[in-house]
PDB file of N, CA and C in Angstrom:
ATOM      1  N   MET A   1      49.265 -51.882  16.694  1.00  0.00           N
ATOM      2  CA  MET A   1      49.801 -50.906  15.803  1.00  0.00           C
ATOM      3  C   MET A   1      50.687 -51.781  14.814  1.00  0.00           C
ATOM      4  N   ASN A   2      51.014 -51.120  13.627  1.00  0.00           N
ATOM      5  CA  ASN A   2      51.702 -51.865  12.557  1.00  0.00           C
ATOM      6  C   ASN A   2      52.945 -51.043  12.177  1.00  0.00           C
ATOM      7  N   ASP A   3      53.566 -51.390  11.000  1.00  0.00           N
ATOM      8  CA  ASP A   3      54.641 -50.767  10.591  1.00  0.00           C
ATOM      9  C   ASP A   3      54.463 -49.303   9.820  1.00  0.00           C
ATOM     10  N   ARG A   4      53.249 -49.124   9.543  1.00  0.00           N
ATOM     11  CA  ARG A   4      52.895 -47.829   8.944  1.00  0.00           C
ATOM     12  C   ARG A   4      52.853 -46.695   9.850  1.00  0.00           C
ATOM     13  N   PRO A   5      53.135 -45.517   9.494  1.00  0.00           N
ATOM     14  CA  PRO A   5      53.070 -44.326  10.544  1.00  0.00           C
ATOM     15  C   PRO A   5      51.817 -44.231  11.117  1.00  0.00           C
ATOM     16  N   PRO A   6      51.812 -43.967  12.480  1.00  0.00           N
ATOM     17  CA  PRO A   6      50.608 -43.952  13.231  1.00  0.00           C
ATOM     18  C   PRO A   6      49.757 -42.671  13.062  1.00  0.00           C
ATOM     19  N   ILE A   7      49.310 -42.437  11.678  1.00  0.00           N
ATOM     20  CA  ILE A   7      48.539 -41.264  11.355  1.00  0.00           C
ATOM     21  C   ILE A   7      47.238 -41.151  12.088  1.00  0.00           C
ATOM     22  N   ASP A   8      46.497 -42.353  12.054  1.00  0.00           N
ATOM     23  CA  ASP A   8      45.171 -42.308  12.713  1.00  0.00           C
ATOM     24  C   ASP A   8      45.270 -41.926  14.193  1.00  0.00           C
ATOM     25  N   ALA A   9      46.284 -42.549  14.859  1.00  0.00           N
ATOM     26  CA  ALA A   9      46.507 -42.343  16.234  1.00  0.00           C
ATOM     27  C   ALA A   9      46.854 -40.923  16.555  1.00  0.00           C
ATOM     28  N   LEU A  10      47.760 -40.393  15.758  1.00  0.00           N
ATOM     29  CA  LEU A  10      48.084 -39.113  15.949  1.00  0.00           C
ATOM     30  C   LEU A  10      46.964 -38.060  15.787  1.00  0.00           C
ATOM     31  N   LYS A  11      46.102 -38.352  14.671  1.00  0.00           N
ATOM     32  CA  LYS A  11      44.870 -37.562  14.437  1.00  0.00           C
ATOM     33  C   LYS A  11      44.014 -37.588  15.698  1.00  0.00           C
ATOM     34  N   ALA A  12      43.887 -38.784  16.312  1.00  0.00           N
ATOM     35  CA  ALA A  12      43.056 -38.982  17.406  1.00  0.00           C
ATOM     36  C   ALA A  12      43.530 -38.238  18.679  1.00  0.00           C
ATOM     37  N   ILE A  13      44.749 -38.238  18.849  1.00  0.00           N
ATOM     38  CA  ILE A  13      45.400 -37.557  19.903  1.00  0.00           C
ATOM     39  C   ILE A  13      45.264 -36.110  19.805  1.00  0.00           C
ATOM     40  N   ALA A  14      45.374 -35.533  18.632  1.00  0.00           N
ATOM     41  CA  ALA A  14      45.435 -34.232  18.278  1.00  0.00           C
ATOM     42  C   ALA A  14      44.071 -33.394  18.616  1.00  0.00           C
ATOM     43  N   HIS A  15      43.001 -34.070  18.795  1.00  0.00           N
ATOM     44  CA  HIS A  15      41.672 -33.438  19.110  1.00  0.00           C
ATOM     45  C   HIS A  15      41.685 -33.071  20.503  1.00  0.00           C
ATOM     46  N   PRO A  16      41.266 -31.938  20.918  1.00  0.00           N
ATOM     47  CA  PRO A  16      41.314 -31.441  22.308  1.00  0.00           C
ATOM     48  C   PRO A  16      40.545 -32.312  23.227  1.00  0.00           C
ATOM     49  N   VAL A  17      39.312 -32.755  22.880  1.00  0.00           N
ATOM     50  CA  VAL A  17      38.484 -33.582  23.734  1.00  0.00           C
ATOM     51  C   VAL A  17      39.162 -34.946  23.927  1.00  0.00           C
ATOM     52  N   ARG A  18      39.690 -35.496  22.891  1.00  0.00           N
ATOM     53  CA  ARG A  18      40.242 -36.893  23.063  1.00  0.00           C
ATOM     54  C   ARG A  18      41.488 -36.837  23.779  1.00  0.00           C
ATOM     55  N   PHE A  19      42.353 -35.708  23.739  1.00  0.00           N
ATOM     56  CA  PHE A  19      43.557 -35.512  24.404  1.00  0.00           C
ATOM     57  C   PHE A  19      43.117 -35.432  25.897  1.00  0.00           C
ATOM     58  N   LYS A  20      42.021 -34.681  26.284  1.00  0.00           N
ATOM     59  CA  LYS A  20      41.537 -34.534  27.567  1.00  0.00           C
ATOM     60  C   LYS A  20      41.235 -35.928  28.145  1.00  0.00           C
ATOM     61  N   LEU A  21      40.485 -36.720  27.402  1.00  0.00           N
ATOM     62  CA  LEU A  21      40.108 -38.091  27.720  1.00  0.00           C
ATOM     63  C   LEU A  21      41.336 -38.939  28.075  1.00  0.00           C
ATOM     64  N   LEU A  22      42.395 -38.861  27.334  1.00  0.00           N
ATOM     65  CA  LEU A  22      43.686 -39.661  27.533  1.00  0.00           C
ATOM     66  C   LEU A  22      44.275 -39.098  28.748  1.00  0.00           C
ATOM     67  N   GLU A  23      44.190 -37.806  29.058  1.00  0.00           N
ATOM     68  CA  GLU A  23      44.737 -37.292  30.343  1.00  0.00           C
ATOM     69  C   GLU A  23      43.961 -37.949  31.514  1.00  0.00           C
ATOM     70  N   ALA A  24      42.693 -37.959  31.372  1.00  0.00           N
ATOM     71  CA  ALA A  24      41.833 -38.430  32.550  1.00  0.00           C
ATOM     72  C   ALA A  24      42.086 -39.977  32.689  1.00  0.00           C
ATOM     73  N   LEU A  25      42.616 -40.694  31.710  1.00  0.00           N
ATOM     74  CA  LEU A  25      42.963 -42.123  31.792  1.00  0.00           C
ATOM     75  C   LEU A  25      44.215 -42.452  32.193  1.00  0.00           C
ATOM     76  N   LYS A  26      45.165 -41.313  32.424  1.00  0.00           N
ATOM     77  CA  LYS A  26      46.484 -41.587  32.678  1.00  0.00           C
ATOM     78  C   LYS A  26      46.746 -42.142  34.213  1.00  0.00           C
ATOM     79  N   THR A  27      45.691 -41.929  35.038  1.00  0.00           N
ATOM     80  CA  THR A  27      45.790 -42.270  36.372  1.00  0.00           C
ATOM     81  C   THR A  27      45.343 -43.711  36.615  1.00  0.00           C
ATOM     82  N   GLY A  28      44.705 -44.279  35.573  1.00  0.00           N
ATOM     83  CA  GLY A  28      44.297 -45.659  35.691  1.00  0.00           C
ATOM     84  C   GLY A  28      42.875 -45.872  34.994  1.00  0.00           C
ATOM     85  N   GLU A  29      42.486 -47.121  35.073  1.00  0.00           N
ATOM     86  CA  GLU A  29      41.132 -47.514  34.450  1.00  0.00           C
ATOM     87  C   GLU A  29      39.933 -46.712  35.131  1.00  0.00           C
ATOM     88  N   ARG A  30      38.903 -46.341  34.264  1.00  0.00           N
ATOM     89  CA  ARG A  30      37.854 -45.659  34.623  1.00  0.00           C
ATOM     90  C   ARG A  30      36.562 -46.035  33.830  1.00  0.00           C
ATOM     91  N   ASN A  31      35.465 -46.113  34.456  1.00  0.00           N
ATOM     92  CA  ASN A  31      34.245 -46.326  33.605  1.00  0.00           C
ATOM     93  C   ASN A  31      33.755 -44.974  33.075  1.00  0.00           C
ATOM     94  N   VAL A  32      32.651 -45.053  32.200  1.00  0.00           N
ATOM     95  CA  VAL A  32      32.217 -43.922  31.434  1.00  0.00           C
ATOM     96  C   VAL A  32      31.741 -42.814  32.426  1.00  0.00           C
ATOM     97  N   GLY A  33      30.990 -43.228  33.488  1.00  0.00           N
ATOM     98  CA  GLY A  33      30.515 -42.284  34.487  1.00  0.00           C
ATOM     99  C   GLY A  33      31.705 -41.514  35.122  1.00  0.00           C
ATOM    100  N   GLU A  34      32.778 -42.269  35.444  1.00  0.00           N
ATOM    101  CA  GLU A  34      33.893 -41.669  36.158  1.00  0.00           C
ATOM    102  C   GLU A  34      34.590 -40.707  35.167  1.00  0.00           C
ATOM    103  N   ILE A  35      34.643 -41.122  33.922  1.00  0.00           N
ATOM    104  CA  ILE A  35      35.324 -40.174  32.990  1.00  0.00           C
ATOM    105  C   ILE A  35      34.519 -39.001  32.722  1.00  0.00           C
ATOM    106  N   GLU A  36      33.288 -39.035  32.635  1.00  0.00           N
ATOM    107  CA  GLU A  36      32.291 -37.851  32.529  1.00  0.00           C
ATOM    108  C   GLU A  36      32.453 -36.929  33.760  1.00  0.00           C
ATOM    109  N   GLU A  37      32.512 -37.548  34.893  1.00  0.00           N
ATOM    110  CA  GLU A  37      32.642 -36.716  36.113  1.00  0.00           C
ATOM    111  C   GLU A  37      34.124 -36.074  36.051  1.00  0.00           C
ATOM    112  N   ALA A  38      35.110 -36.692  35.697  1.00  0.00           N
ATOM    113  CA  ALA A  38      36.501 -36.079  35.732  1.00  0.00           C
ATOM    114  C   ALA A  38      36.784 -35.046  34.678  1.00  0.00           C
ATOM    115  N   THR A  39      35.981 -35.237  33.474  1.00  0.00           N
ATOM    116  CA  THR A  39      36.325 -34.299  32.410  1.00  0.00           C
ATOM    117  C   THR A  39      35.215 -33.237  32.140  1.00  0.00           C
ATOM    118  N   GLY A  40      33.999 -33.644  32.591  1.00  0.00           N
ATOM    119  CA  GLY A  40      32.857 -32.557  32.354  1.00  0.00           C
ATOM    120  C   GLY A  40      32.323 -32.785  31.001  1.00  0.00           C
ATOM    121  N   ILE A  41      32.742 -33.745  30.248  1.00  0.00           N
ATOM    122  CA  ILE A  41      32.320 -34.017  28.835  1.00  0.00           C
ATOM    123  C   ILE A  41      30.960 -34.839  29.017  1.00  0.00           C
ATOM    124  N   SER A  42      29.937 -34.361  28.265  1.00  0.00           N
ATOM    125  CA  SER A  42      28.641 -35.008  28.286  1.00  0.00           C
ATOM    126  C   SER A  42      28.694 -36.466  27.746  1.00  0.00           C
ATOM    127  N   GLN A  43      27.742 -37.309  28.169  1.00  0.00           N
ATOM    128  CA  GLN A  43      27.818 -38.727  27.737  1.00  0.00           C
ATOM    129  C   GLN A  43      27.809 -38.918  26.267  1.00  0.00           C
ATOM    130  N   PRO A  44      26.948 -38.252  25.414  1.00  0.00           N
ATOM    131  CA  PRO A  44      26.999 -38.620  24.054  1.00  0.00           C
ATOM    132  C   PRO A  44      28.263 -38.322  23.360  1.00  0.00           C
ATOM    133  N   ALA A  45      28.742 -37.175  23.703  1.00  0.00           N
ATOM    134  CA  ALA A  45      30.117 -36.682  23.060  1.00  0.00           C
ATOM    135  C   ALA A  45      31.182 -37.598  23.614  1.00  0.00           C
ATOM    136  N   LEU A  46      31.166 -37.972  24.921  1.00  0.00           N
ATOM    137  CA  LEU A  46      32.160 -38.858  25.498  1.00  0.00           C
ATOM    138  C   LEU A  46      32.202 -40.269  24.811  1.00  0.00           C
ATOM    139  N   SER A  47      31.010 -40.757  24.536  1.00  0.00           N
ATOM    140  CA  SER A  47      31.001 -42.138  24.043  1.00  0.00           C
ATOM    141  C   SER A  47      31.562 -42.028  22.484  1.00  0.00           C
ATOM    142  N   GLN A  48      31.168 -40.995  21.836  1.00  0.00           N
ATOM    143  CA  GLN A  48      31.715 -40.828  20.475  1.00  0.00           C
ATOM    144  C   GLN A  48      33.152 -40.707  20.383  1.00  0.00           C
ATOM    145  N   GLN A  49      33.818 -39.941  21.302  1.00  0.00           N
ATOM    146  CA  GLN A  49      35.262 -39.693  21.276  1.00  0.00           C
ATOM    147  C   GLN A  49      35.926 -40.892  21.803  1.00  0.00           C
ATOM    148  N   LEU A  50      35.378 -41.615  22.769  1.00  0.00           N
ATOM    149  CA  LEU A  50      36.031 -42.822  23.192  1.00  0.00           C
ATOM    150  C   LEU A  50      36.085 -43.823  22.179  1.00  0.00           C
ATOM    151  N   ALA A  51      34.982 -43.934  21.249  1.00  0.00           N
ATOM    152  CA  ALA A  51      34.970 -44.825  20.132  1.00  0.00           C
ATOM    153  C   ALA A  51      36.171 -44.568  19.213  1.00  0.00           C
ATOM    154  N   VAL A  52      36.301 -43.265  18.862  1.00  0.00           N
ATOM    155  CA  VAL A  52      37.414 -42.796  18.061  1.00  0.00           C
ATOM    156  C   VAL A  52      38.829 -43.287  18.549  1.00  0.00           C
ATOM    157  N   LEU A  53      38.935 -43.154  19.907  1.00  0.00           N
ATOM    158  CA  LEU A  53      40.263 -43.569  20.528  1.00  0.00           C
ATOM    159  C   LEU A  53      40.329 -45.063  20.521  1.00  0.00           C
ATOM    160  N   ARG A  54      39.389 -45.710  20.638  1.00  0.00           N
ATOM    161  CA  ARG A  54      39.308 -47.169  20.686  1.00  0.00           C
ATOM    162  C   ARG A  54      39.604 -47.632  19.217  1.00  0.00           C
ATOM    163  N   ASN A  55      39.064 -47.097  18.147  1.00  0.00           N
ATOM    164  CA  ASN A  55      39.390 -47.483  16.946  1.00  0.00           C
ATOM    165  C   ASN A  55      40.847 -47.086  16.419  1.00  0.00           C
ATOM    166  N   ALA A  56      41.322 -46.124  17.070  1.00  0.00           N
ATOM    167  CA  ALA A  56      42.813 -45.741  16.750  1.00  0.00           C
ATOM    168  C   ALA A  56      43.684 -46.634  17.550  1.00  0.00           C
ATOM    169  N   GLY A  57      43.313 -47.460  18.435  1.00  0.00           N
ATOM    170  CA  GLY A  57      44.093 -48.501  19.148  1.00  0.00           C
ATOM    171  C   GLY A  57      44.725 -47.763  20.391  1.00  0.00           C
ATOM    172  N   LEU A  58      44.144 -46.611  20.898  1.00  0.00           N
ATOM    173  CA  LEU A  58      44.856 -45.924  21.927  1.00  0.00           C
ATOM    174  C   LEU A  58      44.185 -46.184  23.319  1.00  0.00           C
ATOM    175  N   VAL A  59      42.908 -46.818  23.255  1.00  0.00           N
ATOM    176  CA  VAL A  59      42.387 -47.287  24.619  1.00  0.00           C
ATOM    177  C   VAL A  59      41.942 -48.697  24.491  1.00  0.00           C
ATOM    178  N   GLU A  60      41.922 -49.360  25.701  1.00  0.00           N
ATOM    179  CA  GLU A  60      41.397 -50.711  25.788  1.00  0.00           C
ATOM    180  C   GLU A  60      40.230 -50.668  26.617  1.00  0.00           C
ATOM    181  N   THR A  61      39.380 -51.652  26.438  1.00  0.00           N
ATOM    182  CA  THR A  61      38.094 -51.752  27.191  1.00  0.00           C
ATOM    183  C   THR A  61      37.953 -53.017  27.922  1.00  0.00           C
ATOM    184  N   ARG A  62      37.198 -52.989  29.039  1.00  0.00           N
ATOM    185  CA  ARG A  62      36.885 -54.198  29.862  1.00  0.00           C
ATOM    186  C   ARG A  62      35.539 -54.034  30.378  1.00  0.00           C
ATOM    187  N   LYS A  63      34.687 -55.107  30.169  1.00  0.00           N
ATOM    188  CA  LYS A  63      33.352 -54.871  30.555  1.00  0.00           C
ATOM    189  C   LYS A  63      33.128 -55.701  31.881  1.00  0.00           C
ATOM    190  N   GLU A  64      32.369 -55.076  32.718  1.00  0.00           N
ATOM    191  CA  GLU A  64      32.050 -55.741  33.959  1.00  0.00           C
ATOM    192  C   GLU A  64      30.624 -55.513  34.254  1.00  0.00           C
ATOM    193  N   ALA A  65      29.762 -56.477  34.124  1.00  0.00           N
ATOM    194  CA  ALA A  65      28.407 -56.402  34.274  1.00  0.00           C
ATOM    195  C   ALA A  65      27.884 -55.324  33.153  1.00  0.00           C
ATOM    196  N   LYS A  66      27.231 -54.249  33.556  1.00  0.00           N
ATOM    197  CA  LYS A  66      26.850 -53.298  32.575  1.00  0.00           C
ATOM    198  C   LYS A  66      27.673 -52.156  32.341  1.00  0.00           C
ATOM    199  N   LEU A  67      28.809 -52.051  33.136  1.00  0.00           N
ATOM    200  CA  LEU A  67      29.744 -51.032  33.123  1.00  0.00           C
ATOM    201  C   LEU A  67      31.011 -51.434  32.051  1.00  0.00           C
ATOM    202  N   VAL A  68      31.335 -50.373  31.262  1.00  0.00           N
ATOM    203  CA  VAL A  68      32.523 -50.568  30.312  1.00  0.00           C
ATOM    204  C   VAL A  68      33.571 -49.778  31.058  1.00  0.00           C
ATOM    205  N   TYR A  69      34.666 -50.326  31.243  1.00  0.00           N
ATOM    206  CA  TYR A  69      36.030 -49.623  31.783  1.00  0.00           C
ATOM    207  C   TYR A  69      36.914 -49.346  30.665  1.00  0.00           C
ATOM    208  N   TYR A  70      37.463 -48.150  30.726  1.00  0.00           N
ATOM    209  CA  TYR A  70      38.471 -47.713  29.806  1.00  0.00           C
ATOM    210  C   TYR A  70      39.818 -47.515  30.412  1.00  0.00           C
ATOM    211  N   SER A  71      40.878 -47.843  29.660  1.00  0.00           N
ATOM    212  CA  SER A  71      42.236 -47.609  30.046  1.00  0.00           C
ATOM    213  C   SER A  71      42.974 -47.191  28.901  1.00  0.00           C
ATOM    214  N   HIS A  72      44.168 -46.496  29.087  1.00  0.00           N
ATOM    215  CA  HIS A  72      44.841 -46.156  27.850  1.00  0.00           C
ATOM    216  C   HIS A  72      45.806 -47.299  27.553  1.00  0.00           C
ATOM    217  N   ASP A  73      46.022 -47.520  26.325  1.00  0.00           N
ATOM    218  CA  ASP A  73      46.999 -48.561  25.869  1.00  0.00           C
ATOM    219  C   ASP A  73      48.446 -48.150  25.938  1.00  0.00           C
ATOM    220  N   GLY A  74      49.153 -48.304  26.965  1.00  0.00           N
ATOM    221  CA  GLY A  74      50.465 -47.827  27.132  1.00  0.00           C
ATOM    222  C   GLY A  74      51.515 -48.164  26.036  1.00  0.00           C
ATOM    223  N   ALA A  75      51.331 -49.404  25.475  1.00  0.00           N
ATOM    224  CA  ALA A  75      52.166 -49.946  24.480  1.00  0.00           C
ATOM    225  C   ALA A  75      51.908 -49.001  23.088  1.00  0.00           C
ATOM    226  N   ALA A  76      50.693 -48.706  22.787  1.00  0.00           N
ATOM    227  CA  ALA A  76      50.458 -47.908  21.534  1.00  0.00           C
ATOM    228  C   ALA A  76      50.952 -46.539  21.809  1.00  0.00           C
ATOM    229  N   LEU A  77      50.779 -45.928  23.015  1.00  0.00           N
ATOM    230  CA  LEU A  77      51.313 -44.643  23.316  1.00  0.00           C
ATOM    231  C   LEU A  77      52.803 -44.529  23.346  1.00  0.00           C
ATOM    232  N   SER A  78      53.381 -45.528  23.705  1.00  0.00           N
ATOM    233  CA  SER A  78      54.938 -45.505  23.728  1.00  0.00           C
ATOM    234  C   SER A  78      55.464 -45.663  22.190  1.00  0.00           C
ATOM    235  N   VAL A  79      54.723 -46.388  21.415  1.00  0.00           N
ATOM    236  CA  VAL A  79      55.091 -46.359  19.983  1.00  0.00           C
ATOM    237  C   VAL A  79      55.061 -45.016  19.376  1.00  0.00           C
ATOM    238  N   ILE A  80      53.932 -44.237  19.680  1.00  0.00           N
ATOM    239  CA  ILE A  80      53.737 -42.920  19.155  1.00  0.00           C
ATOM    240  C   ILE A  80      54.797 -42.052  19.684  1.00  0.00           C
ATOM    241  N   ALA A  81      55.213 -42.236  21.028  1.00  0.00           N
ATOM    242  CA  ALA A  81      56.196 -41.364  21.689  1.00  0.00           C
ATOM    243  C   ALA A  81      57.513 -41.597  20.924  1.00  0.00           C
ATOM    244  N   ALA A  82      57.807 -42.835  20.541  1.00  0.00           N
ATOM    245  CA  ALA A  82      59.040 -43.218  19.890  1.00  0.00           C
ATOM    246  C   ALA A  82      59.149 -42.650  18.511  1.00  0.00           C
ATOM    247  N   VAL A  83      57.978 -42.640  17.792  1.00  0.00           N
ATOM    248  CA  VAL A  83      57.826 -42.009  16.454  1.00  0.00           C
ATOM    249  C   VAL A  83      58.219 -40.551  16.579  1.00  0.00           C
ATOM    250  N   LEU A  84      57.602 -39.845  17.585  1.00  0.00           N
ATOM    251  CA  LEU A  84      57.681 -38.439  17.540  1.00  0.00           C
ATOM    252  C   LEU A  84      59.124 -38.057  18.036  1.00  0.00           C
ATOM    253  N   ALA A  85      59.761 -38.931  18.915  1.00  0.00           N
ATOM    254  CA  ALA A  85      61.302 -38.682  19.299  1.00  0.00           C
ATOM    255  C   ALA A  85      62.095 -38.793  18.176  1.00  0.00           C
ATOM    256  N   GLY A  86      61.712 -39.770  17.246  1.00  0.00           N
ATOM    257  CA  GLY A  86      62.607 -39.904  16.060  1.00  0.00           C
ATOM    258  C   GLY A  86      62.373 -38.738  15.139  1.00  0.00           C
ATOM    259  N   LEU A  87      61.206 -38.199  15.036  1.00  0.00           N
ATOM    260  CA  LEU A  87      60.975 -37.090  14.187  1.00  0.00           C
ATOM    261  C   LEU A  87      61.815 -35.820  14.834  1.00  0.00           C
ATOM    262  N   ALA A  88      61.907 -35.748  16.211  1.00  0.00           N
ATOM    263  CA  ALA A  88      62.517 -34.697  16.821  1.00  0.00           C
ATOM    264  C   ALA A  88      64.021 -34.769  16.636  1.00  0.00           C
ATOM    265  N   GLY A  89      64.549 -35.771  16.110  1.00  0.00           N
ATOM    266  CA  GLY A  89      65.960 -35.994  15.931  1.00  0.00           C
ATOM    267  C   GLY A  89      66.677 -36.556  17.102  1.00  0.00           C
ATOM    268  N   ARG A  90      65.979 -37.292  17.937  1.00  0.00           N
ATOM    269  CA  ARG A  90      66.645 -37.753  19.119  1.00  0.00           C
ATOM    270  C   ARG A  90      67.807 -38.787  18.794  1.00  0.00           C
ATOM    271  N   ASP A  91      67.399 -39.506  17.803  1.00  0.00           N
ATOM    272  CA  ASP A  91      68.442 -40.581  17.511  1.00  0.00           C
ATOM    273  C   ASP A  91      69.565 -39.936  16.653  1.00  0.00           C
ATOM    274  N   LEU A  92      69.283 -38.732  15.913  1.00  0.00           N
ATOM    275  CA  LEU A  92      70.295 -38.053  15.202  1.00  0.00           C
ATOM    276  C   LEU A  92      71.215 -37.246  16.153  1.00  0.00           C
ATOM    277  N   ALA A  93      70.777 -36.917  17.264  1.00  0.00           N
ATOM    278  CA  ALA A  93      71.572 -36.116  18.095  1.00  0.00           C
ATOM    279  C   ALA A  93      72.802 -36.926  18.671  1.00  0.00           C
ATOM    280  N   LYS A  94      72.676 -38.196  18.636  1.00  0.00           N
ATOM    281  CA  LYS A  94      73.883 -39.011  19.091  1.00  0.00           C
ATOM    282  C   LYS A  94      75.107 -38.877  18.159  1.00  0.00           C
ATOM    283  N   ARG A  95      74.919 -38.550  16.727  1.00  0.00           N
ATOM    284  CA  ARG A  95      76.009 -38.439  15.875  1.00  0.00           C
ATOM    285  C   ARG A  95      76.585 -37.156  16.103  1.00  0.00           C
ATOM    286  N   GLU A  96      77.833 -37.090  15.715  1.00  0.00           N
ATOM    287  CA  GLU A  96      78.634 -35.909  15.902  1.00  0.00           C
ATOM    288  C   GLU A  96      78.374 -34.844  14.810  1.00  0.00           C
ATOM    289  N   GLY A  97      78.370 -33.685  15.309  1.00  0.00           N
ATOM    290  CA  GLY A  97      78.178 -32.450  14.323  1.00  0.00           C
ATOM    291  C   GLY A  97      76.761 -32.225  13.921  1.00  0.00           C
ATOM    292  N   THR A  98      75.803 -32.714  14.725  1.00  0.00           N
ATOM    293  CA  THR A  98      74.448 -32.519  14.414  1.00  0.00           C
ATOM    294  C   THR A  98      73.951 -31.208  15.195  1.00  0.00           C
ATOM    295  N   VAL A  99      72.767 -30.684  14.688  1.00  0.00           N
ATOM    296  CA  VAL A  99      72.161 -29.558  15.285  1.00  0.00           C
ATOM    297  C   VAL A  99      71.113 -30.102  16.195  1.00  0.00           C
ATOM    298  N   GLU A 100      71.139 -29.512  17.401  1.00  0.00           N
ATOM    299  CA  GLU A 100      70.124 -29.797  18.478  1.00  0.00           C
ATOM    300  C   GLU A 100      69.281 -28.614  18.845  1.00  0.00           C
ATOM    301  N   ARG A 101      68.125 -28.795  19.180  1.00  0.00           N
ATOM    302  CA  ARG A 101      67.204 -27.666  19.639  1.00  0.00           C
ATOM    303  C   ARG A 101      67.215 -27.600  21.100  1.00  0.00           C
ATOM    304  N   ASP A 102      67.787 -26.490  21.703  1.00  0.00           N
ATOM    305  CA  ASP A 102      67.704 -26.100  23.064  1.00  0.00           C
ATOM    306  C   ASP A 102      66.291 -25.784  23.580  1.00  0.00           C
ATOM    307  N   ALA A 103      65.549 -26.708  23.936  1.00  0.00           N
ATOM    308  CA  ALA A 103      64.116 -26.506  24.322  1.00  0.00           C
ATOM    309  C   ALA A 103      63.886 -25.489  25.245  1.00  0.00           C
ATOM    310  N   LEU A 104      64.727 -25.302  26.185  1.00  0.00           N
ATOM    311  CA  LEU A 104      64.382 -24.304  27.218  1.00  0.00           C
ATOM    312  C   LEU A 104      64.678 -22.922  26.755  1.00  0.00           C
ATOM    313  N   ALA A 105      65.797 -22.698  25.992  1.00  0.00           N
ATOM    314  CA  ALA A 105      66.141 -21.377  25.612  1.00  0.00           C
ATOM    315  C   ALA A 105      65.546 -21.061  24.287  1.00  0.00           C
ATOM    316  N   GLY A 106      65.019 -22.166  23.578  1.00  0.00           N
ATOM    317  CA  GLY A 106      64.440 -21.882  22.163  1.00  0.00           C
ATOM    318  C   GLY A 106      65.464 -21.532  21.234  1.00  0.00           C
ATOM    319  N   ARG A 107      66.785 -21.953  21.376  1.00  0.00           N
ATOM    320  CA  ARG A 107      67.816 -21.627  20.502  1.00  0.00           C
ATOM    321  C   ARG A 107      68.290 -22.929  19.835  1.00  0.00           C
ATOM    322  N   THR A 108      69.067 -22.613  18.681  1.00  0.00           N
ATOM    323  CA  THR A 108      69.613 -23.869  18.091  1.00  0.00           C
ATOM    324  C   THR A 108      71.026 -23.849  18.545  1.00  0.00           C
ATOM    325  N   ARG A 109      71.559 -25.047  18.983  1.00  0.00           N
ATOM    326  CA  ARG A 109      72.938 -25.236  19.376  1.00  0.00           C
ATOM    327  C   ARG A 109      73.508 -26.341  18.624  1.00  0.00           C
ATOM    328  N   ARG A 110      74.799 -25.936  18.147  1.00  0.00           N
ATOM    329  CA  ARG A 110      75.575 -27.034  17.241  1.00  0.00           C
ATOM    330  C   ARG A 110      76.536 -27.602  18.202  1.00  0.00           C
ATOM    331  N   THR A 111      76.607 -28.925  17.974  1.00  0.00           N
ATOM    332  CA  THR A 111      77.737 -29.637  18.670  1.00  0.00           C
ATOM    333  C   THR A 111      78.937 -29.736  17.671  1.00  0.00           C
ATOM    334  N   PRO A 112      80.032 -29.480  18.224  1.00  0.00           N
ATOM    335  CA  PRO A 112      81.319 -29.341  17.379  1.00  0.00           C
ATOM    336  C   PRO A 112      81.658 -30.757  16.794  1.00  0.00           C
ATOM    337  N   THR A 113      82.129 -30.763  15.533  1.00  0.00           N
ATOM    338  CA  THR A 113      82.554 -31.959  14.976  1.00  0.00           C
ATOM    339  C   THR A 113      84.124 -31.922  15.091  1.00  0.00           C
ATOM    340  N   PRO A 114      84.694 -33.125  15.752  1.00  0.00           N
ATOM    341  CA  PRO A 114      86.169 -33.133  15.971  1.00  0.00           C
ATOM    342  C   PRO A 114      86.927 -33.060  14.572  1.00  0.00           C
ATOM    343  N   GLY A 115      88.020 -32.357  14.484  1.00  0.00           N
ATOM    344  CA  GLY A 115      88.783 -32.315  13.374  1.00  0.00           C
ATOM    345  C   GLY A 115      88.413 -31.262  12.320  1.00  0.00           C
ATOM    346  N   VAL A 116      87.375 -30.587  12.603  1.00  0.00           N
ATOM    347  CA  VAL A 116      86.749 -29.484  11.652  1.00  0.00           C
ATOM    348  C   VAL A 116      86.848 -28.080  12.286  1.00  0.00           C
ATOM    349  N   ALA A 117      87.230 -27.141  11.578  1.00  0.00           N
ATOM    350  CA  ALA A 117      87.269 -25.798  12.095  1.00  0.00           C
ATOM    351  C   ALA A 117      85.858 -25.352  12.614  1.00  0.00           C
ATOM    352  N   ASN A 118      85.788 -24.989  13.873  1.00  0.00           N
ATOM    353  CA  ASN A 118      84.513 -24.567  14.508  1.00  0.00           C
ATOM    354  C   ASN A 118      84.658 -23.051  14.854  1.00  0.00           C
ATOM    355  N   PHE A 119      83.679 -22.317  14.416  1.00  0.00           N
ATOM    356  CA  PHE A 119      83.790 -20.861  14.604  1.00  0.00           C
ATOM    357  C   PHE A 119      82.719 -20.431  15.706  1.00  0.00           C
ATOM    358  N   ALA A 120      82.994 -19.464  16.563  1.00  0.00           N
ATOM    359  CA  ALA A 120      82.098 -18.920  17.371  1.00  0.00           C
ATOM    360  C   ALA A 120      81.122 -18.052  16.754  1.00  0.00           C
ATOM    361  N   ARG A 121      79.958 -18.035  17.365  1.00  0.00           N
ATOM    362  CA  ARG A 121      78.883 -17.196  16.758  1.00  0.00           C
ATOM    363  C   ARG A 121      78.661 -16.008  17.793  1.00  0.00           C
ATOM    364  N   LEU A 122      78.707 -14.713  17.188  1.00  0.00           N
ATOM    365  CA  LEU A 122      78.576 -13.647  18.016  1.00  0.00           C
ATOM    366  C   LEU A 122      77.195 -13.003  17.736  1.00  0.00           C
ATOM    367  N   ASP A 123      76.424 -12.897  18.899  1.00  0.00           N
ATOM    368  CA  ASP A 123      75.013 -12.316  18.640  1.00  0.00           C
ATOM    369  C   ASP A 123      75.072 -10.887  18.958  1.00  0.00           C
TER     370      ASP A 123
END
């Protein structure tokens, strides 16, 4: 992956079949037959979608005799996770007076800024 936004990788992950393939690979390396059995995706579609993931840099391959083994590229997925965390404002939440999203309650929560008048919100 490079310094550009990981648009191709995000597009690849956003497809339901490719997301399912990445989920199947989270437990470790698998060959095409094992992936087909685990996901129920037919061989032609499976090969096509694995090629998209490979081109996006999200999976790695290893060939052993006639079998090709696939595994997810943990480093590439970590970069994407970091980019998404940045978009979610994780690094902004460390600053004082920022707005955070309370994921469990689905509400917006404000952290008070020291030295500034803070008012209670009545619902």
